[in-house]
């Protein structure tokens, strides 16, 4: 093969007209494409894991805040409300009513935080989709 044949083969490598490309050009192109693809997939996976962890951390933070709010509520609001209700009913009944109301509030906060944790996107959704797209692209490139 002389230099003219090599130049002609290199010109055909980028030619979308359907001309056959030399095997060496195809292999080099595939290796370069695969290397780039792997790097991009690793970066995407890192981003997805970081995003999912961040959203779950926010949900866990909300659940922690619910616990703190519940503790403060029990300590301050319960005492004030129970004292107010104790004027018109027995003290034990006033304390029980206040405890039930505050328990409902704490339960709602836990449910909201739990929903936030469960609805976080799973790691790898976008990675799987792009891998499928990349596989289709690679098949098309090989079929040329």
Foldseek 3Di string as FASTA:
>chain_A
DDPVVVVVLVVVLPPPPPDDHDPVSLVVVVVVVVVVLVVVLVVLLVVLVVQLVVQLVVLVVLLVVLVVVLVVCLVPVLVVQLVVVCVPDPSVVSSVVSNVVSVVSSVVSNVVSVVSNVPRDDRPPVSVVVVVVVVVVVVVSVVD
